[in-house]
């Protein structure tokens, strides 16, 4: 019987706890559907809200191209520009490759006295000069030995238009062996053992109105 007060205390605490639970339910209540929705931090922004947050950026104007003055006509660049204007297919690098090949072919054909190989590569006046030199050499019973060991440099030094004719002068620096021999094989001129450096200036010409793309050698010189 001495434990009765202890049980009484337990019953009393249980009644108090039940009262508090009922009280909290009355305060918190049930959801009615009218409660205001709270957005969680970091939740997506609605399209309408996003539209209000867009900052219009001023579009930068497109950069204007810098105007470049054409090169002076009395320079190599100016002359090449004139040729390109008359013949849009002209390419200086490709021209130099062709001039290199023509130089080697013409030098070899002249040394052999091969007029047939020379004629398509030379203008009429230049061909006459080359043919006359070949005839004179053959009449004297002489032979020419020419070997290009190395073409060390090739560059355009003059260019321009003469009416519809494009003219380009090329400087060619090469190491060669040139030997002129008499009919008995003796050396008339040159050294068969030692290379000499030779600088040539060759001028090529082409009528830009012609469908023929080939350039002809119209003048030669040395320096």
C-alpha atoms as a PDB file:
ATOM      1  CA  UNK A   1       0.000   0.000   0.000  1.00  0.00           C
ATOM      2  CA  UNK A   2       3.007   2.272   0.499  1.00  0.00           C
ATOM      3  CA  UNK A   3       3.539   2.434  -3.339  1.00  0.00           C
ATOM      4  CA  UNK A   4       0.102   3.977  -4.032  1.00  0.00           C
ATOM      5  CA  UNK A   5       1.333   7.579  -4.081  1.00  0.00           C
ATOM      6  CA  UNK A   6       3.964   6.583  -6.607  1.00  0.00           C
ATOM      7  CA  UNK A   7       1.333   5.173  -8.999  1.00  0.00           C
ATOM      8  CA  UNK A   8      -0.783   8.221  -8.482  1.00  0.00           C
ATOM      9  CA  UNK A   9       2.079  10.442  -9.672  1.00  0.00           C
ATOM     10  CA  UNK A  10       2.461   8.366 -12.864  1.00  0.00           C
ATOM     11  CA  UNK A  11      -1.247   8.635 -13.649  1.00  0.00           C
ATOM     12  CA  UNK A  12      -1.112  12.371 -13.053  1.00  0.00           C
ATOM     13  CA  UNK A  13       1.845  12.871 -15.454  1.00  0.00           C
ATOM     14  CA  UNK A  14       0.072  10.817 -18.138  1.00  0.00           C
ATOM     15  CA  UNK A  15      -3.019  12.991 -17.879  1.00  0.00           C
ATOM     16  CA  UNK A  16      -0.897  16.149 -18.177  1.00  0.00           C
ATOM     17  CA  UNK A  17       0.899  14.778 -21.289  1.00  0.00           C
ATOM     18  CA  UNK A  18      -2.438  13.900 -22.936  1.00  0.00           C
ATOM     19  CA  UNK A  19      -3.657  17.406 -22.244  1.00  0.00           C
ATOM     20  CA  UNK A  20      -0.589  18.956 -23.848  1.00  0.00           C
ATOM     21  CA  UNK A  21      -0.949  16.805 -26.987  1.00  0.00           C
ATOM     22  CA  UNK A  22      -4.560  17.869 -27.427  1.00  0.00           C
ATOM     23  CA  UNK A  23      -3.549  21.495 -26.893  1.00  0.00           C
ATOM     24  CA  UNK A  24      -0.809  21.381 -29.534  1.00  0.00           C
ATOM     25  CA  UNK A  25      -3.130  19.844 -32.120  1.00  0.00           C
ATOM     26  CA  UNK A  26      -5.566  22.667 -31.571  1.00  0.00           C
ATOM     27  CA  UNK A  27      -2.806  25.235 -32.067  1.00  0.00           C
ATOM     28  CA  UNK A  28      -1.116  23.617 -35.159  1.00  0.00           C
ATOM     29  CA  UNK A  29      -4.386  22.504 -36.643  1.00  0.00           C
ATOM     30  CA  UNK A  30      -4.924  20.735 -39.945  1.00  0.00           C
ATOM     31  CA  UNK A  31      -3.923  22.049 -43.458  1.00  0.00           C
ATOM     32  CA  UNK A  32      -6.781  24.002 -44.992  1.00  0.00           C
ATOM     33  CA  UNK A  33      -5.287  24.551 -48.451  1.00  0.00           C
ATOM     34  CA  UNK A  34      -5.033  28.333 -47.911  1.00  0.00           C
ATOM     35  CA  UNK A  35      -1.570  28.293 -46.414  1.00  0.00           C
ATOM     36  CA  UNK A  36       1.074  30.480 -48.234  1.00  0.00           C
ATOM     37  CA  UNK A  37       3.714  28.509 -50.086  1.00  0.00           C
ATOM     38  CA  UNK A  38       7.306  29.134 -49.104  1.00  0.00           C
ATOM     39  CA  UNK A  39      10.048  28.812 -51.723  1.00  0.00           C
ATOM     40  CA  UNK A  40      13.070  26.965 -50.524  1.00  0.00           C
ATOM     41  CA  UNK A  41      16.431  28.693 -50.897  1.00  0.00           C
ATOM     42  CA  UNK A  42      17.880  27.879 -54.277  1.00  0.00           C
ATOM     43  CA  UNK A  43      14.561  26.824 -55.802  1.00  0.00           C
ATOM     44  CA  UNK A  44      14.079  27.605 -59.562  1.00  0.00           C
ATOM     45  CA  UNK A  45      13.018  31.123 -60.482  1.00  0.00           C
ATOM     46  CA  UNK A  46       9.722  31.331 -62.307  1.00  0.00           C
ATOM     47  CA  UNK A  47       9.770  32.621 -65.941  1.00  0.00           C
ATOM     48  CA  UNK A  48       8.014  35.827 -64.905  1.00  0.00           C
ATOM     49  CA  UNK A  49      10.549  36.490 -62.162  1.00  0.00           C
ATOM     50  CA  UNK A  50      13.414  35.683 -64.504  1.00  0.00           C
ATOM     51  CA  UNK A  51      12.110  38.161 -67.075  1.00  0.00           C
ATOM     52  CA  UNK A  52      12.172  40.888 -64.451  1.00  0.00           C
ATOM     53  CA  UNK A  53      15.781  40.085 -63.625  1.00  0.00           C
ATOM     54  CA  UNK A  54      17.149  40.215 -67.222  1.00  0.00           C
ATOM     55  CA  UNK A  55      19.574  43.071 -67.783  1.00  0.00           C
ATOM     56  CA  UNK A  56      19.639  44.264 -71.385  1.00  0.00           C
ATOM     57  CA  UNK A  57      23.226  44.385 -72.739  1.00  0.00           C
ATOM     58  CA  UNK A  58      24.129  47.026 -75.272  1.00  0.00           C
ATOM     59  CA  UNK A  59      25.333  45.245 -78.433  1.00  0.00           C
ATOM     60  CA  UNK A  60      28.831  46.247 -79.461  1.00  0.00           C
ATOM     61  CA  UNK A  61      29.091  47.596 -82.972  1.00  0.00           C
ATOM     62  CA  UNK A  62      30.963  45.384 -85.434  1.00  0.00           C
ATOM     63  CA  UNK A  63      34.606  46.466 -85.807  1.00  0.00           C
ATOM     64  CA  UNK A  64      35.187  48.404 -88.969  1.00  0.00           C
ATOM     65  CA  UNK A  65      37.883  47.133 -91.301  1.00  0.00           C
ATOM     66  CA  UNK A  66      40.946  49.313 -91.454  1.00  0.00           C
ATOM     67  CA  UNK A  67      41.357  50.874 -94.843  1.00  0.00           C
ATOM     68  CA  UNK A  68      44.698  50.011 -96.396  1.00  0.00           C
ATOM     69  CA  UNK A  69      46.211  52.150 -99.088  1.00  0.00           C
ATOM     70  CA  UNK A  70      47.343  50.340-102.230  1.00  0.00           C
ATOM     71  CA  UNK A  71      51.119  50.041-102.626  1.00  0.00           C
ATOM     72  CA  UNK A  72      52.788  52.660-104.839  1.00  0.00           C
ATOM     73  CA  UNK A  73      52.736  51.591-108.496  1.00  0.00           C
ATOM     74  CA  UNK A  74      56.483  52.143-108.920  1.00  0.00           C
ATOM     75  CA  UNK A  75      57.343  49.430-106.383  1.00  0.00           C
ATOM     76  CA  UNK A  76      57.497  45.677-106.844  1.00  0.00           C
ATOM     77  CA  UNK A  77      54.416  45.250-104.639  1.00  0.00           C
ATOM     78  CA  UNK A  78      52.585  47.899-106.628  1.00  0.00           C
ATOM     79  CA  UNK A  79      53.534  46.264-109.919  1.00  0.00           C
ATOM     80  CA  UNK A  80      52.392  42.860-108.693  1.00  0.00           C
ATOM     81  CA  UNK A  81      49.094  44.410-107.588  1.00  0.00           C
ATOM     82  CA  UNK A  82      48.622  45.808-111.104  1.00  0.00           C
ATOM     83  CA  UNK A  83      49.248  42.380-112.616  1.00  0.00           C
ATOM     84  CA  UNK A  84      46.833  40.725-110.195  1.00  0.00           C
ATOM     85  CA  UNK A  85      44.177  43.293-111.075  1.00  0.00           C
ATOM     86  CA  UNK A  86      44.601  42.470-114.773  1.00  0.00           C
ATOM     87  CA  UNK A  87      44.940  38.720-114.178  1.00  0.00           C
ATOM     88  CA  UNK A  88      43.242  37.553-110.942  1.00  0.00           C
ATOM     89  CA  UNK A  89      44.773  34.101-111.411  1.00  0.00           C
ATOM     90  CA  UNK A  90      48.309  35.449-111.060  1.00  0.00           C
ATOM     91  CA  UNK A  91      50.221  34.190-108.033  1.00  0.00           C
ATOM     92  CA  UNK A  92      53.723  35.485-107.311  1.00  0.00           C
ATOM     93  CA  UNK A  93      54.835  32.319-105.521  1.00  0.00           C
ATOM     94  CA  UNK A  94      53.622  30.108-108.365  1.00  0.00           C
ATOM     95  CA  UNK A  95      55.255  32.412-110.873  1.00  0.00           C
ATOM     96  CA  UNK A  96      58.634  32.056-109.146  1.00  0.00           C
ATOM     97  CA  UNK A  97      58.318  28.283-109.222  1.00  0.00           C
ATOM     98  CA  UNK A  98      57.691  28.478-112.973  1.00  0.00           C
ATOM     99  CA  UNK A  99      60.584  30.895-113.472  1.00  0.00           C
ATOM    100  CA  UNK A 100      62.910  28.519-111.633  1.00  0.00           C
ATOM    101  CA  UNK A 101      61.937  25.652-113.917  1.00  0.00           C
ATOM    102  CA  UNK A 102      62.195  27.820-117.044  1.00  0.00           C
ATOM    103  CA  UNK A 103      65.684  28.981-116.023  1.00  0.00           C
ATOM    104  CA  UNK A 104      66.983  25.435-115.719  1.00  0.00           C
ATOM    105  CA  UNK A 105      65.344  24.314-118.987  1.00  0.00           C
ATOM    106  CA  UNK A 106      66.543  27.297-121.028  1.00  0.00           C
ATOM    107  CA  UNK A 107      70.125  27.160-119.736  1.00  0.00           C
ATOM    108  CA  UNK A 108      70.348  23.437-120.504  1.00  0.00           C
ATOM    109  CA  UNK A 109      68.725  23.779-123.953  1.00  0.00           C
ATOM    110  CA  UNK A 110      71.012  26.663-124.921  1.00  0.00           C
ATOM    111  CA  UNK A 111      74.126  24.717-123.902  1.00  0.00           C
ATOM    112  CA  UNK A 112      72.988  21.748-126.008  1.00  0.00           C
ATOM    113  CA  UNK A 113      72.008  23.969-128.924  1.00  0.00           C
ATOM    114  CA  UNK A 114      68.440  22.626-128.797  1.00  0.00           C
ATOM    115  CA  UNK A 115      66.466  25.283-130.693  1.00  0.00           C
ATOM    116  CA  UNK A 116      63.251  23.276-130.670  1.00  0.00           C
ATOM    117  CA  UNK A 117      63.201  23.237-126.879  1.00  0.00           C
ATOM    118  CA  UNK A 118      63.997  26.944-126.699  1.00  0.00           C
ATOM    119  CA  UNK A 119      61.456  28.320-129.153  1.00  0.00           C
ATOM    120  CA  UNK A 120      58.267  27.800-127.063  1.00  0.00           C
ATOM    121  CA  UNK A 121      59.914  29.454-124.055  1.00  0.00           C
ATOM    122  CA  UNK A 122      61.252  32.621-125.687  1.00  0.00           C
ATOM    123  CA  UNK A 123      59.768  35.643-127.399  1.00  0.00           C
ATOM    124  CA  UNK A 124      60.533  35.946-131.099  1.00  0.00           C
ATOM    125  CA  UNK A 125      63.318  38.514-130.655  1.00  0.00           C
ATOM    126  CA  UNK A 126      64.922  36.605-127.773  1.00  0.00           C
ATOM    127  CA  UNK A 127      64.758  33.369-129.710  1.00  0.00           C
ATOM    128  CA  UNK A 128      66.544  34.980-132.651  1.00  0.00           C
ATOM    129  CA  UNK A 129      69.366  36.107-130.373  1.00  0.00           C
ATOM    130  CA  UNK A 130      69.738  32.667-128.795  1.00  0.00           C
ATOM    131  CA  UNK A 131      69.560  30.896-132.157  1.00  0.00           C
ATOM    132  CA  UNK A 132      72.197  33.239-133.628  1.00  0.00           C
ATOM    133  CA  UNK A 133      74.563  32.501-130.717  1.00  0.00           C
ATOM    134  CA  UNK A 134      74.039  28.758-131.188  1.00  0.00           C
ATOM    135  CA  UNK A 135      74.721  29.026-134.921  1.00  0.00           C
ATOM    136  CA  UNK A 136      77.888  31.037-134.317  1.00  0.00           C
ATOM    137  CA  UNK A 137      79.136  28.518-131.784  1.00  0.00           C
ATOM    138  CA  UNK A 138      78.461  25.572-134.082  1.00  0.00           C
ATOM    139  CA  UNK A 139      80.104  27.339-136.998  1.00  0.00           C
ATOM    140  CA  UNK A 140      83.267  27.701-134.920  1.00  0.00           C
ATOM    141  CA  UNK A 141      83.132  24.044-133.932  1.00  0.00           C
ATOM    142  CA  UNK A 142      82.788  24.955-130.288  1.00  0.00           C
ATOM    143  CA  UNK A 143      80.692  23.317-127.610  1.00  0.00           C
ATOM    144  CA  UNK A 144      79.308  24.750-124.411  1.00  0.00           C
ATOM    145  CA  UNK A 145      79.127  22.816-121.166  1.00  0.00           C
ATOM    146  CA  UNK A 146      76.880  24.344-118.511  1.00  0.00           C
ATOM    147  CA  UNK A 147      75.859  22.795-115.216  1.00  0.00           C
ATOM    148  CA  UNK A 148      73.793  24.531-112.570  1.00  0.00           C
ATOM    149  CA  UNK A 149      75.014  23.180-109.251  1.00  0.00           C
ATOM    150  CA  UNK A 150      72.620  25.190-107.103  1.00  0.00           C
ATOM    151  CA  UNK A 151      70.093  27.955-107.580  1.00  0.00           C
ATOM    152  CA  UNK A 152      70.759  29.850-104.373  1.00  0.00           C
ATOM    153  CA  UNK A 153      68.313  32.710-104.683  1.00  0.00           C
ATOM    154  CA  UNK A 154      65.412  33.784-106.852  1.00  0.00           C
ATOM    155  CA  UNK A 155      63.401  36.944-106.318  1.00  0.00           C
ATOM    156  CA  UNK A 156      61.202  39.389-108.192  1.00  0.00           C
ATOM    157  CA  UNK A 157      62.940  42.751-108.577  1.00  0.00           C
ATOM    158  CA  UNK A 158      60.612  44.497-111.038  1.00  0.00           C
ATOM    159  CA  UNK A 159      56.972  44.054-111.983  1.00  0.00           C
ATOM    160  CA  UNK A 160      54.272  45.997-113.748  1.00  0.00           C
ATOM    161  CA  UNK A 161      51.907  46.338-116.668  1.00  0.00           C
ATOM    162  CA  UNK A 162      52.740  47.647-120.141  1.00  0.00           C
ATOM    163  CA  UNK A 163      49.314  48.028-121.669  1.00  0.00           C
ATOM    164  CA  UNK A 164      47.826  44.536-121.467  1.00  0.00           C
ATOM    165  CA  UNK A 165      51.256  42.918-121.134  1.00  0.00           C
ATOM    166  CA  UNK A 166      52.443  41.888-117.689  1.00  0.00           C
ATOM    167  CA  UNK A 167      56.217  42.098-117.221  1.00  0.00           C
ATOM    168  CA  UNK A 168      58.181  40.575-114.343  1.00  0.00           C
ATOM    169  CA  UNK A 169      61.954  40.705-113.907  1.00  0.00           C
ATOM    170  CA  UNK A 170      63.530  38.025-111.751  1.00  0.00           C
ATOM    171  CA  UNK A 171      66.965  38.007-110.154  1.00  0.00           C
ATOM    172  CA  UNK A 172      68.563  34.543-110.122  1.00  0.00           C
ATOM    173  CA  UNK A 173      71.737  33.778-108.214  1.00  0.00           C
ATOM    174  CA  UNK A 174      73.265  30.386-108.956  1.00  0.00           C
ATOM    175  CA  UNK A 175      76.460  28.403-108.686  1.00  0.00           C
ATOM    176  CA  UNK A 176      77.423  27.140-112.156  1.00  0.00           C
ATOM    177  CA  UNK A 177      80.156  25.550-114.168  1.00  0.00           C
ATOM    178  CA  UNK A 178      80.454  27.002-117.671  1.00  0.00           C
ATOM    179  CA  UNK A 179      83.084  25.713-120.061  1.00  0.00           C
ATOM    180  CA  UNK A 180      83.448  26.619-123.733  1.00  0.00           C
ATOM    181  CA  UNK A 181      85.536  24.084-125.598  1.00  0.00           C
ATOM    182  CA  UNK A 182      87.118  24.216-129.028  1.00  0.00           C
ATOM    183  CA  UNK A 183      86.563  21.527-131.665  1.00  0.00           C
ATOM    184  CA  UNK A 184      89.525  19.580-130.259  1.00  0.00           C
ATOM    185  CA  UNK A 185      88.135  19.620-126.701  1.00  0.00           C
ATOM    186  CA  UNK A 186      90.535  22.224-125.376  1.00  0.00           C
ATOM    187  CA  UNK A 187      89.136  24.834-123.019  1.00  0.00           C
ATOM    188  CA  UNK A 188      88.497  28.197-124.668  1.00  0.00           C
ATOM    189  CA  UNK A 189      86.788  29.792-121.699  1.00  0.00           C
ATOM    190  CA  UNK A 190      85.721  28.766-118.199  1.00  0.00           C
ATOM    191  CA  UNK A 191      86.917  26.306-115.568  1.00  0.00           C
ATOM    192  CA  UNK A 192      85.597  22.740-115.556  1.00  0.00           C
ATOM    193  CA  UNK A 193      86.668  22.209-111.945  1.00  0.00           C
ATOM    194  CA  UNK A 194      85.519  25.295-110.081  1.00  0.00           C
ATOM    195  CA  UNK A 195      82.053  26.684-109.563  1.00  0.00           C
ATOM    196  CA  UNK A 196      81.367  30.338-110.230  1.00  0.00           C
ATOM    197  CA  UNK A 197      78.558  32.384-108.755  1.00  0.00           C
ATOM    198  CA  UNK A 198      76.471  33.928-111.506  1.00  0.00           C
ATOM    199  CA  UNK A 199      73.765  36.547-111.153  1.00  0.00           C
ATOM    200  CA  UNK A 200      71.201  36.756-113.947  1.00  0.00           C
ATOM    201  CA  UNK A 201      68.295  39.101-114.517  1.00  0.00           C
ATOM    202  CA  UNK A 202      65.582  37.599-116.677  1.00  0.00           C
ATOM    203  CA  UNK A 203      62.439  39.386-117.757  1.00  0.00           C
ATOM    204  CA  UNK A 204      59.289  37.420-118.526  1.00  0.00           C
ATOM    205  CA  UNK A 205      56.211  38.742-120.269  1.00  0.00           C
ATOM    206  CA  UNK A 206      52.637  37.586-120.819  1.00  0.00           C
ATOM    207  CA  UNK A 207      49.626  39.138-122.561  1.00  0.00           C
ATOM    208  CA  UNK A 208      46.907  39.089-119.894  1.00  0.00           C
ATOM    209  CA  UNK A 209      44.210  39.089-122.601  1.00  0.00           C
ATOM    210  CA  UNK A 210      45.515  35.827-124.038  1.00  0.00           C
ATOM    211  CA  UNK A 211      44.089  32.487-122.887  1.00  0.00           C
ATOM    212  CA  UNK A 212      47.640  31.099-123.049  1.00  0.00           C
ATOM    213  CA  UNK A 213      48.913  31.059-119.420  1.00  0.00           C
ATOM    214  CA  UNK A 214      52.581  30.691-120.406  1.00  0.00           C
ATOM    215  CA  UNK A 215      55.144  33.425-119.811  1.00  0.00           C
ATOM    216  CA  UNK A 216      57.871  34.061-122.357  1.00  0.00           C
ATOM    217  CA  UNK A 217      61.430  35.132-121.708  1.00  0.00           C
ATOM    218  CA  UNK A 218      61.836  38.532-123.413  1.00  0.00           C
ATOM    219  CA  UNK A 219      65.177  39.807-122.072  1.00  0.00           C
ATOM    220  CA  UNK A 220      68.281  38.583-120.243  1.00  0.00           C
ATOM    221  CA  UNK A 221      71.104  40.315-118.460  1.00  0.00           C
ATOM    222  CA  UNK A 222      73.796  39.581-115.919  1.00  0.00           C
ATOM    223  CA  UNK A 223      75.321  41.427-113.050  1.00  0.00           C
END
